[in-house]
Amino acid sequence: MSIDTEYQPINCDDYDNLELACQNQLYLHIQLRGGEVFEGKANQLILRKKVEYIVVESNEETRELRLDHIVSFSNPELGTIVVTY
């Protein structure tokens, strides 16, 4: 998965759900393109060089995940959300 590909903004409803997850510090199960899975607490959304990321913290590490690399995310409060563009 190249980080040099042009950023594709995600659907506004999906973004709003990620924003809600960050505000409430929800624990997310995130499926990324390429099959990688990451689980952790949603911390914040950031914008860097016109690319949006979610900062997710787990016990082992903190990761910045590009929003357009997320296939789906889930939490019992939100359900499972499949990201669209």
PDB file of N, CA and C in Angstrom:
ATOM      1  N   MET A   1       0.853  -1.172   0.000  1.00  0.00           N
ATOM      2  CA  MET A   1       0.000   0.000   0.000  1.00  0.00           C
ATOM      3  C   MET A   1       0.896   1.232   0.000  1.00  0.00           C
ATOM      4  N   SER A   2       0.893   1.958  -1.062  1.00  0.00           N
ATOM      5  CA  SER A   2       1.757   3.124  -1.192  1.00  0.00           C
ATOM      6  C   SER A   2       1.145   4.334  -0.497  1.00  0.00           C
ATOM      7  N   ILE A   3       1.983   5.056   0.231  1.00  0.00           N
ATOM      8  CA  ILE A   3       1.487   6.271   0.871  1.00  0.00           C
ATOM      9  C   ILE A   3       1.542   7.452  -0.094  1.00  0.00           C
ATOM     10  N   ASP A   4       2.099   7.230  -1.278  1.00  0.00           N
ATOM     11  CA  ASP A   4       2.230   8.306  -2.254  1.00  0.00           C
ATOM     12  C   ASP A   4       1.023   8.437  -3.164  1.00  0.00           C
ATOM     13  N   THR A   5       0.029   7.562  -3.043  1.00  0.00           N
ATOM     14  CA  THR A   5      -1.151   7.663  -3.890  1.00  0.00           C
ATOM     15  C   THR A   5      -1.962   8.885  -3.491  1.00  0.00           C
ATOM     16  N   GLU A   6      -2.689   9.443  -4.464  1.00  0.00           N
ATOM     17  CA  GLU A   6      -3.498  10.631  -4.197  1.00  0.00           C
ATOM     18  C   GLU A   6      -4.587  10.310  -3.189  1.00  0.00           C
ATOM     19  N   TYR A   7      -4.772  11.201  -2.233  1.00  0.00           N
ATOM     20  CA  TYR A   7      -5.772  10.995  -1.184  1.00  0.00           C
ATOM     21  C   TYR A   7      -7.175  11.115  -1.747  1.00  0.00           C
ATOM     22  N   GLN A   8      -8.047  10.163  -1.385  1.00  0.00           N
ATOM     23  CA  GLN A   8      -9.450  10.180  -1.771  1.00  0.00           C
ATOM     24  C   GLN A   8     -10.282  10.400  -0.513  1.00  0.00           C
ATOM     25  N   PRO A   9     -10.898  11.585  -0.358  1.00  0.00           N
ATOM     26  CA  PRO A   9     -11.702  11.836   0.853  1.00  0.00           C
ATOM     27  C   PRO A   9     -12.798  10.792   1.023  1.00  0.00           C
ATOM     28  N   ILE A  10     -13.054  10.418   2.273  1.00  0.00           N
ATOM     29  CA  ILE A  10     -14.092   9.430   2.552  1.00  0.00           C
ATOM     30  C   ILE A  10     -15.451  10.126   2.671  1.00  0.00           C
ATOM     31  N   ASN A  11     -16.507   9.345   2.628  1.00  0.00           N
ATOM     32  CA  ASN A  11     -17.879   9.818   2.756  1.00  0.00           C
ATOM     33  C   ASN A  11     -18.047  10.614   4.055  1.00  0.00           C
ATOM     34  N   CYS A  12     -18.806  11.689   4.021  1.00  0.00           N
ATOM     35  CA  CYS A  12     -19.005  12.555   5.193  1.00  0.00           C
ATOM     36  C   CYS A  12     -19.603  11.814   6.383  1.00  0.00           C
ATOM     37  N   ASP A  13     -20.550  10.911   6.141  1.00  0.00           N
ATOM     38  CA  ASP A  13     -21.145  10.147   7.242  1.00  0.00           C
ATOM     39  C   ASP A  13     -20.107   9.262   7.921  1.00  0.00           C
ATOM     40  N   ASP A  14     -19.231   8.648   7.124  1.00  0.00           N
ATOM     41  CA  ASP A  14     -18.173   7.803   7.688  1.00  0.00           C
ATOM     42  C   ASP A  14     -17.198   8.661   8.502  1.00  0.00           C
ATOM     43  N   TYR A  15     -16.871   9.835   7.971  1.00  0.00           N
ATOM     44  CA  TYR A  15     -15.984  10.759   8.693  1.00  0.00           C
ATOM     45  C   TYR A  15     -16.620  11.173  10.023  1.00  0.00           C
ATOM     46  N   ASP A  16     -17.916  11.481   9.986  1.00  0.00           N
ATOM     47  CA  ASP A  16     -18.624  11.873  11.212  1.00  0.00           C
ATOM     48  C   ASP A  16     -18.588  10.766  12.261  1.00  0.00           C
ATOM     49  N   ASN A  17     -18.714   9.512  11.820  1.00  0.00           N
ATOM     50  CA  ASN A  17     -18.637   8.390  12.757  1.00  0.00           C
ATOM     51  C   ASN A  17     -17.238   8.258  13.356  1.00  0.00           C
ATOM     52  N   LEU A  18     -16.203   8.502  12.559  1.00  0.00           N
ATOM     53  CA  LEU A  18     -14.834   8.477  13.093  1.00  0.00           C
ATOM     54  C   LEU A  18     -14.625   9.627  14.074  1.00  0.00           C
ATOM     55  N   GLU A  19     -15.191  10.777  13.751  1.00  0.00           N
ATOM     56  CA  GLU A  19     -15.097  11.930  14.647  1.00  0.00           C
ATOM     57  C   GLU A  19     -15.785  11.633  15.987  1.00  0.00           C
ATOM     58  N   LEU A  20     -16.945  11.007  15.935  1.00  0.00           N
ATOM     59  CA  LEU A  20     -17.666  10.613  17.141  1.00  0.00           C
ATOM     60  C   LEU A  20     -16.839   9.607  17.957  1.00  0.00           C
ATOM     61  N   ALA A  21     -16.214   8.665  17.262  1.00  0.00           N
ATOM     62  CA  ALA A  21     -15.373   7.679  17.944  1.00  0.00           C
ATOM     63  C   ALA A  21     -14.213   8.367  18.673  1.00  0.00           C
ATOM     64  N   CYS A  22     -13.628   9.376  18.051  1.00  0.00           N
ATOM     65  CA  CYS A  22     -12.525  10.110  18.685  1.00  0.00           C
ATOM     66  C   CYS A  22     -13.023  10.914  19.891  1.00  0.00           C
ATOM     67  N   GLN A  23     -14.141  11.590  19.740  1.00  0.00           N
ATOM     68  CA  GLN A  23     -14.694  12.395  20.832  1.00  0.00           C
ATOM     69  C   GLN A  23     -14.981  11.541  22.059  1.00  0.00           C
ATOM     70  N   ASN A  24     -15.439  10.304  21.824  1.00  0.00           N
ATOM     71  CA  ASN A  24     -15.802   9.409  22.919  1.00  0.00           C
ATOM     72  C   ASN A  24     -14.701   8.417  23.270  1.00  0.00           C
ATOM     73  N   GLN A  25     -13.537   8.567  22.605  1.00  0.00           N
ATOM     74  CA  GLN A  25     -12.390   7.684  22.858  1.00  0.00           C
ATOM     75  C   GLN A  25     -12.800   6.217  22.757  1.00  0.00           C
ATOM     76  N   LEU A  26     -13.552   5.880  21.705  1.00  0.00           N
ATOM     77  CA  LEU A  26     -14.049   4.519  21.524  1.00  0.00           C
ATOM     78  C   LEU A  26     -12.938   3.591  21.051  1.00  0.00           C
ATOM     79  N   TYR A  27     -13.032   2.339  21.460  1.00  0.00           N
ATOM     80  CA  TYR A  27     -12.118   1.300  21.010  1.00  0.00           C
ATOM     81  C   TYR A  27     -12.624   0.790  19.668  1.00  0.00           C
ATOM     82  N   LEU A  28     -11.789   0.848  18.631  1.00  0.00           N
ATOM     83  CA  LEU A  28     -12.193   0.459  17.284  1.00  0.00           C
ATOM     84  C   LEU A  28     -11.438  -0.771  16.799  1.00  0.00           C
ATOM     85  N   HIS A  29     -12.134  -1.569  16.038  1.00  0.00           N
ATOM     86  CA  HIS A  29     -11.544  -2.666  15.278  1.00  0.00           C
ATOM     87  C   HIS A  29     -11.517  -2.147  13.837  1.00  0.00           C
ATOM     88  N   ILE A  30     -10.312  -1.954  13.272  1.00  0.00           N
ATOM     89  CA  ILE A  30     -10.168  -1.310  11.960  1.00  0.00           C
ATOM     90  C   ILE A  30      -9.554  -2.288  10.967  1.00  0.00           C
ATOM     91  N   GLN A  31     -10.249  -2.486   9.844  1.00  0.00           N
ATOM     92  CA  GLN A  31      -9.743  -3.319   8.747  1.00  0.00           C
ATOM     93  C   GLN A  31      -9.169  -2.377   7.690  1.00  0.00           C
ATOM     94  N   LEU A  32      -7.903  -2.596   7.330  1.00  0.00           N
ATOM     95  CA  LEU A  32      -7.237  -1.763   6.343  1.00  0.00           C
ATOM     96  C   LEU A  32      -7.137  -2.481   5.011  1.00  0.00           C
ATOM     97  N   ARG A  33      -6.940  -1.706   3.952  1.00  0.00           N
ATOM     98  CA  ARG A  33      -6.662  -2.298   2.642  1.00  0.00           C
ATOM     99  C   ARG A  33      -5.453  -3.209   2.795  1.00  0.00           C
ATOM    100  N   GLY A  34      -5.422  -4.273   2.054  1.00  0.00           N
ATOM    101  CA  GLY A  34      -4.311  -5.203   2.146  1.00  0.00           C
ATOM    102  C   GLY A  34      -4.504  -6.241   3.243  1.00  0.00           C
ATOM    103  N   GLY A  35      -5.628  -6.142   3.995  1.00  0.00           N
ATOM    104  CA  GLY A  35      -5.947  -7.156   4.978  1.00  0.00           C
ATOM    105  C   GLY A  35      -5.460  -6.914   6.391  1.00  0.00           C
ATOM    106  N   GLU A  36      -4.653  -5.893   6.620  1.00  0.00           N
ATOM    107  CA  GLU A  36      -4.168  -5.629   7.972  1.00  0.00           C
ATOM    108  C   GLU A  36      -5.319  -5.197   8.876  1.00  0.00           C
ATOM    109  N   VAL A  37      -5.267  -5.643  10.130  1.00  0.00           N
ATOM    110  CA  VAL A  37      -6.262  -5.270  11.126  1.00  0.00           C
ATOM    111  C   VAL A  37      -5.541  -4.556  12.259  1.00  0.00           C
ATOM    112  N   PHE A  38      -6.135  -3.461  12.718  1.00  0.00           N
ATOM    113  CA  PHE A  38      -5.566  -2.722  13.850  1.00  0.00           C
ATOM    114  C   PHE A  38      -6.687  -2.438  14.829  1.00  0.00           C
ATOM    115  N   GLU A  39      -6.394  -2.637  16.104  1.00  0.00           N
ATOM    116  CA  GLU A  39      -7.378  -2.366  17.142  1.00  0.00           C
ATOM    117  C   GLU A  39      -6.790  -1.406  18.158  1.00  0.00           C
ATOM    118  N   GLY A  40      -7.589  -0.434  18.561  1.00  0.00           N
ATOM    119  CA  GLY A  40      -7.130   0.520  19.554  1.00  0.00           C
ATOM    120  C   GLY A  40      -8.153   1.609  19.798  1.00  0.00           C
ATOM    121  N   LYS A  41      -7.781   2.519  20.686  1.00  0.00           N
ATOM    122  CA  LYS A  41      -8.656   3.619  21.082  1.00  0.00           C
ATOM    123  C   LYS A  41      -8.504   4.770  20.088  1.00  0.00           C
ATOM    124  N   ALA A  42      -9.635   5.213  19.547  1.00  0.00           N
ATOM    125  CA  ALA A  42      -9.637   6.359  18.637  1.00  0.00           C
ATOM    126  C   ALA A  42      -9.280   7.605  19.434  1.00  0.00           C
ATOM    127  N   ASN A  43      -8.251   8.329  18.992  1.00  0.00           N
ATOM    128  CA  ASN A  43      -7.773   9.471  19.752  1.00  0.00           C
ATOM    129  C   ASN A  43      -8.151  10.793  19.105  1.00  0.00           C
ATOM    130  N   GLN A  44      -7.755  10.965  17.833  1.00  0.00           N
ATOM    131  CA  GLN A  44      -8.046  12.230  17.155  1.00  0.00           C
ATOM    132  C   GLN A  44      -7.913  12.069  15.650  1.00  0.00           C
ATOM    133  N   LEU A  45      -8.539  13.000  14.926  1.00  0.00           N
ATOM    134  CA  LEU A  45      -8.384  13.095  13.481  1.00  0.00           C
ATOM    135  C   LEU A  45      -7.440  14.246  13.193  1.00  0.00           C
ATOM    136  N   ILE A  46      -6.508  14.026  12.284  1.00  0.00           N
ATOM    137  CA  ILE A  46      -5.555  15.079  11.938  1.00  0.00           C
ATOM    138  C   ILE A  46      -5.479  15.219  10.421  1.00  0.00           C
ATOM    139  N   LEU A  47      -5.029  16.379   9.993  1.00  0.00           N
ATOM    140  CA  LEU A  47      -4.840  16.670   8.577  1.00  0.00           C
ATOM    141  C   LEU A  47      -3.385  17.068   8.389  1.00  0.00           C
ATOM    142  N   ARG A  48      -2.715  16.363   7.499  1.00  0.00           N
ATOM    143  CA  ARG A  48      -1.307  16.665   7.225  1.00  0.00           C
ATOM    144  C   ARG A  48      -1.094  16.634   5.713  1.00  0.00           C
ATOM    145  N   LYS A  49      -0.701  17.760   5.151  1.00  0.00           N
ATOM    146  CA  LYS A  49      -0.452  17.881   3.711  1.00  0.00           C
ATOM    147  C   LYS A  49      -1.648  17.394   2.890  1.00  0.00           C
ATOM    148  N   LYS A  50      -2.845  17.847   3.292  1.00  0.00           N
ATOM    149  CA  LYS A  50      -4.104  17.556   2.599  1.00  0.00           C
ATOM    150  C   LYS A  50      -4.492  16.079   2.634  1.00  0.00           C
ATOM    151  N   VAL A  51      -3.947  15.338   3.594  1.00  0.00           N
ATOM    152  CA  VAL A  51      -4.304  13.936   3.789  1.00  0.00           C
ATOM    153  C   VAL A  51      -4.817  13.787   5.215  1.00  0.00           C
ATOM    154  N   GLU A  52      -5.987  13.126   5.368  1.00  0.00           N
ATOM    155  CA  GLU A  52      -6.594  12.965   6.685  1.00  0.00           C
ATOM    156  C   GLU A  52      -6.194  11.623   7.302  1.00  0.00           C
ATOM    157  N   TYR A  53      -5.926  11.659   8.604  1.00  0.00           N
ATOM    158  CA  TYR A  53      -5.521  10.469   9.356  1.00  0.00           C
ATOM    159  C   TYR A  53      -6.335  10.390  10.642  1.00  0.00           C
ATOM    160  N   ILE A  54      -6.484   9.160  11.146  1.00  0.00           N
ATOM    161  CA  ILE A  54      -6.995   8.967  12.496  1.00  0.00           C
ATOM    162  C   ILE A  54      -5.828   8.443  13.329  1.00  0.00           C
ATOM    163  N   VAL A  55      -5.686   9.002  14.520  1.00  0.00           N
ATOM    164  CA  VAL A  55      -4.658   8.549  15.457  1.00  0.00           C
ATOM    165  C   VAL A  55      -5.329   7.530  16.374  1.00  0.00           C
ATOM    166  N   VAL A  56      -4.777   6.318  16.378  1.00  0.00           N
ATOM    167  CA  VAL A  56      -5.336   5.222  17.165  1.00  0.00           C
ATOM    168  C   VAL A  56      -4.256   4.698  18.099  1.00  0.00           C
ATOM    169  N   GLU A  57      -4.609   4.559  19.380  1.00  0.00           N
ATOM    170  CA  GLU A  57      -3.654   4.097  20.388  1.00  0.00           C
ATOM    171  C   GLU A  57      -4.010   2.697  20.851  1.00  0.00           C
ATOM    172  N   SER A  58      -3.001   1.830  20.865  1.00  0.00           N
ATOM    173  CA  SER A  58      -3.172   0.506  21.470  1.00  0.00           C
ATOM    174  C   SER A  58      -2.121   0.377  22.563  1.00  0.00           C
ATOM    175  N   ASN A  59      -2.104  -0.739  23.261  1.00  0.00           N
ATOM    176  CA  ASN A  59      -1.117  -0.938  24.327  1.00  0.00           C
ATOM    177  C   ASN A  59       0.307  -0.891  23.797  1.00  0.00           C
ATOM    178  N   GLU A  60       0.496  -1.408  22.591  1.00  0.00           N
ATOM    179  CA  GLU A  60       1.841  -1.511  22.033  1.00  0.00           C
ATOM    180  C   GLU A  60       2.312  -0.255  21.301  1.00  0.00           C
ATOM    181  N   GLU A  61       1.392   0.480  20.677  1.00  0.00           N
ATOM    182  CA  GLU A  61       1.828   1.567  19.805  1.00  0.00           C
ATOM    183  C   GLU A  61       0.709   2.568  19.525  1.00  0.00           C
ATOM    184  N   THR A  62       1.110   3.710  18.985  1.00  0.00           N
ATOM    185  CA  THR A  62       0.179   4.702  18.460  1.00  0.00           C
ATOM    186  C   THR A  62       0.407   4.751  16.958  1.00  0.00           C
ATOM    187  N   ARG A  63      -0.694   4.672  16.196  1.00  0.00           N
ATOM    188  CA  ARG A  63      -0.579   4.691  14.734  1.00  0.00           C
ATOM    189  C   ARG A  63      -1.428   5.795  14.150  1.00  0.00           C
ATOM    190  N   GLU A  64      -0.949   6.360  13.059  1.00  0.00           N
ATOM    191  CA  GLU A  64      -1.721   7.291  12.253  1.00  0.00           C
ATOM    192  C   GLU A  64      -2.139   6.530  11.010  1.00  0.00           C
ATOM    193  N   LEU A  65      -3.446   6.333  10.850  1.00  0.00           N
ATOM    194  CA  LEU A  65      -3.972   5.564   9.732  1.00  0.00           C
ATOM    195  C   LEU A  65      -4.661   6.491   8.748  1.00  0.00           C
ATOM    196  N   ARG A  66      -4.240   6.424   7.486  1.00  0.00           N
ATOM    197  CA  ARG A  66      -4.886   7.234   6.454  1.00  0.00           C
ATOM    198  C   ARG A  66      -6.335   6.808   6.320  1.00  0.00           C
ATOM    199  N   LEU A  67      -7.237   7.777   6.311  1.00  0.00           N
ATOM    200  CA  LEU A  67      -8.653   7.449   6.254  1.00  0.00           C
ATOM    201  C   LEU A  67      -9.018   6.700   4.975  1.00  0.00           C
ATOM    202  N   ASP A  68      -8.355   7.023   3.864  1.00  0.00           N
ATOM    203  CA  ASP A  68      -8.700   6.345   2.607  1.00  0.00           C
ATOM    204  C   ASP A  68      -8.068   4.960   2.490  1.00  0.00           C
ATOM    205  N   HIS A  69      -7.358   4.513   3.528  1.00  0.00           N
ATOM    206  CA  HIS A  69      -6.830   3.145   3.552  1.00  0.00           C
ATOM    207  C   HIS A  69      -7.683   2.244   4.439  1.00  0.00           C
ATOM    208  N   ILE A  70      -8.712   2.818   5.062  1.00  0.00           N
ATOM    209  CA  ILE A  70      -9.598   2.048   5.930  1.00  0.00           C
ATOM    210  C   ILE A  70     -10.712   1.434   5.088  1.00  0.00           C
ATOM    211  N   VAL A  71     -10.880   0.122   5.209  1.00  0.00           N
ATOM    212  CA  VAL A  71     -11.960  -0.587   4.523  1.00  0.00           C
ATOM    213  C   VAL A  71     -13.218  -0.534   5.385  1.00  0.00           C
ATOM    214  N   SER A  72     -13.040  -0.807   6.691  1.00  0.00           N
ATOM    215  CA  SER A  72     -14.178  -0.772   7.610  1.00  0.00           C
ATOM    216  C   SER A  72     -13.658  -0.563   9.025  1.00  0.00           C
ATOM    217  N   PHE A  73     -14.576  -0.136   9.898  1.00  0.00           N
ATOM    218  CA  PHE A  73     -14.253  -0.031  11.323  1.00  0.00           C
ATOM    219  C   PHE A  73     -15.504  -0.375  12.099  1.00  0.00           C
ATOM    220  N   SER A  74     -15.290  -0.884  13.322  1.00  0.00           N
ATOM    221  CA  SER A  74     -16.439  -1.290  14.111  1.00  0.00           C
ATOM    222  C   SER A  74     -16.211  -1.055  15.594  1.00  0.00           C
ATOM    223  N   ASN A  75     -17.343  -0.907  16.280  1.00  0.00           N
ATOM    224  CA  ASN A  75     -17.411  -0.729  17.719  1.00  0.00           C
ATOM    225  C   ASN A  75     -18.851  -1.064  18.101  1.00  0.00           C
ATOM    226  N   PRO A  76     -19.072  -1.671  19.283  1.00  0.00           N
ATOM    227  CA  PRO A  76     -20.453  -2.010  19.664  1.00  0.00           C
ATOM    228  C   PRO A  76     -21.423  -0.827  19.621  1.00  0.00           C
ATOM    229  N   GLU A  77     -20.959   0.388  19.930  1.00  0.00           N
ATOM    230  CA  GLU A  77     -21.854   1.554  19.903  1.00  0.00           C
ATOM    231  C   GLU A  77     -22.177   2.007  18.477  1.00  0.00           C
ATOM    232  N   LEU A  78     -21.219   1.847  17.565  1.00  0.00           N
ATOM    233  CA  LEU A  78     -21.384   2.320  16.191  1.00  0.00           C
ATOM    234  C   LEU A  78     -21.844   1.227  15.235  1.00  0.00           C
ATOM    235  N   GLY A  79     -21.600  -0.029  15.594  1.00  0.00           N
ATOM    236  CA  GLY A  79     -21.813  -1.123  14.665  1.00  0.00           C
ATOM    237  C   GLY A  79     -20.610  -1.233  13.740  1.00  0.00           C
ATOM    238  N   THR A  80     -20.791  -1.898  12.618  1.00  0.00           N
ATOM    239  CA  THR A  80     -19.719  -2.023  11.622  1.00  0.00           C
ATOM    240  C   THR A  80     -20.015  -1.068  10.486  1.00  0.00           C
ATOM    241  N   ILE A  81     -19.021  -0.259  10.157  1.00  0.00           N
ATOM    242  CA  ILE A  81     -19.172   0.744   9.111  1.00  0.00           C
ATOM    243  C   ILE A  81     -18.180   0.441   8.002  1.00  0.00           C
ATOM    244  N   VAL A  82     -18.697   0.234   6.805  1.00  0.00           N
ATOM    245  CA  VAL A  82     -17.862   0.036   5.632  1.00  0.00           C
ATOM    246  C   VAL A  82     -17.658   1.401   4.991  1.00  0.00           C
ATOM    247  N   VAL A  83     -16.399   1.798   4.859  1.00  0.00           N
ATOM    248  CA  VAL A  83     -16.058   3.136   4.383  1.00  0.00           C
ATOM    249  C   VAL A  83     -16.302   3.248   2.878  1.00  0.00           C
ATOM    250  N   THR A  84     -16.961   4.339   2.476  1.00  0.00           N
ATOM    251  CA  THR A  84     -17.172   4.634   1.058  1.00  0.00           C
ATOM    252  C   THR A  84     -16.532   5.979   0.741  1.00  0.00           C
ATOM    253  N   TYR A  85     -16.330   6.195  -0.555  1.00  0.00           N
ATOM    254  CA  TYR A  85     -15.637   7.407  -1.014  1.00  0.00           C
ATOM    255  C   TYR A  85     -16.525   8.265  -1.872  1.00  0.00           C
TER     256      TYR A  85
END
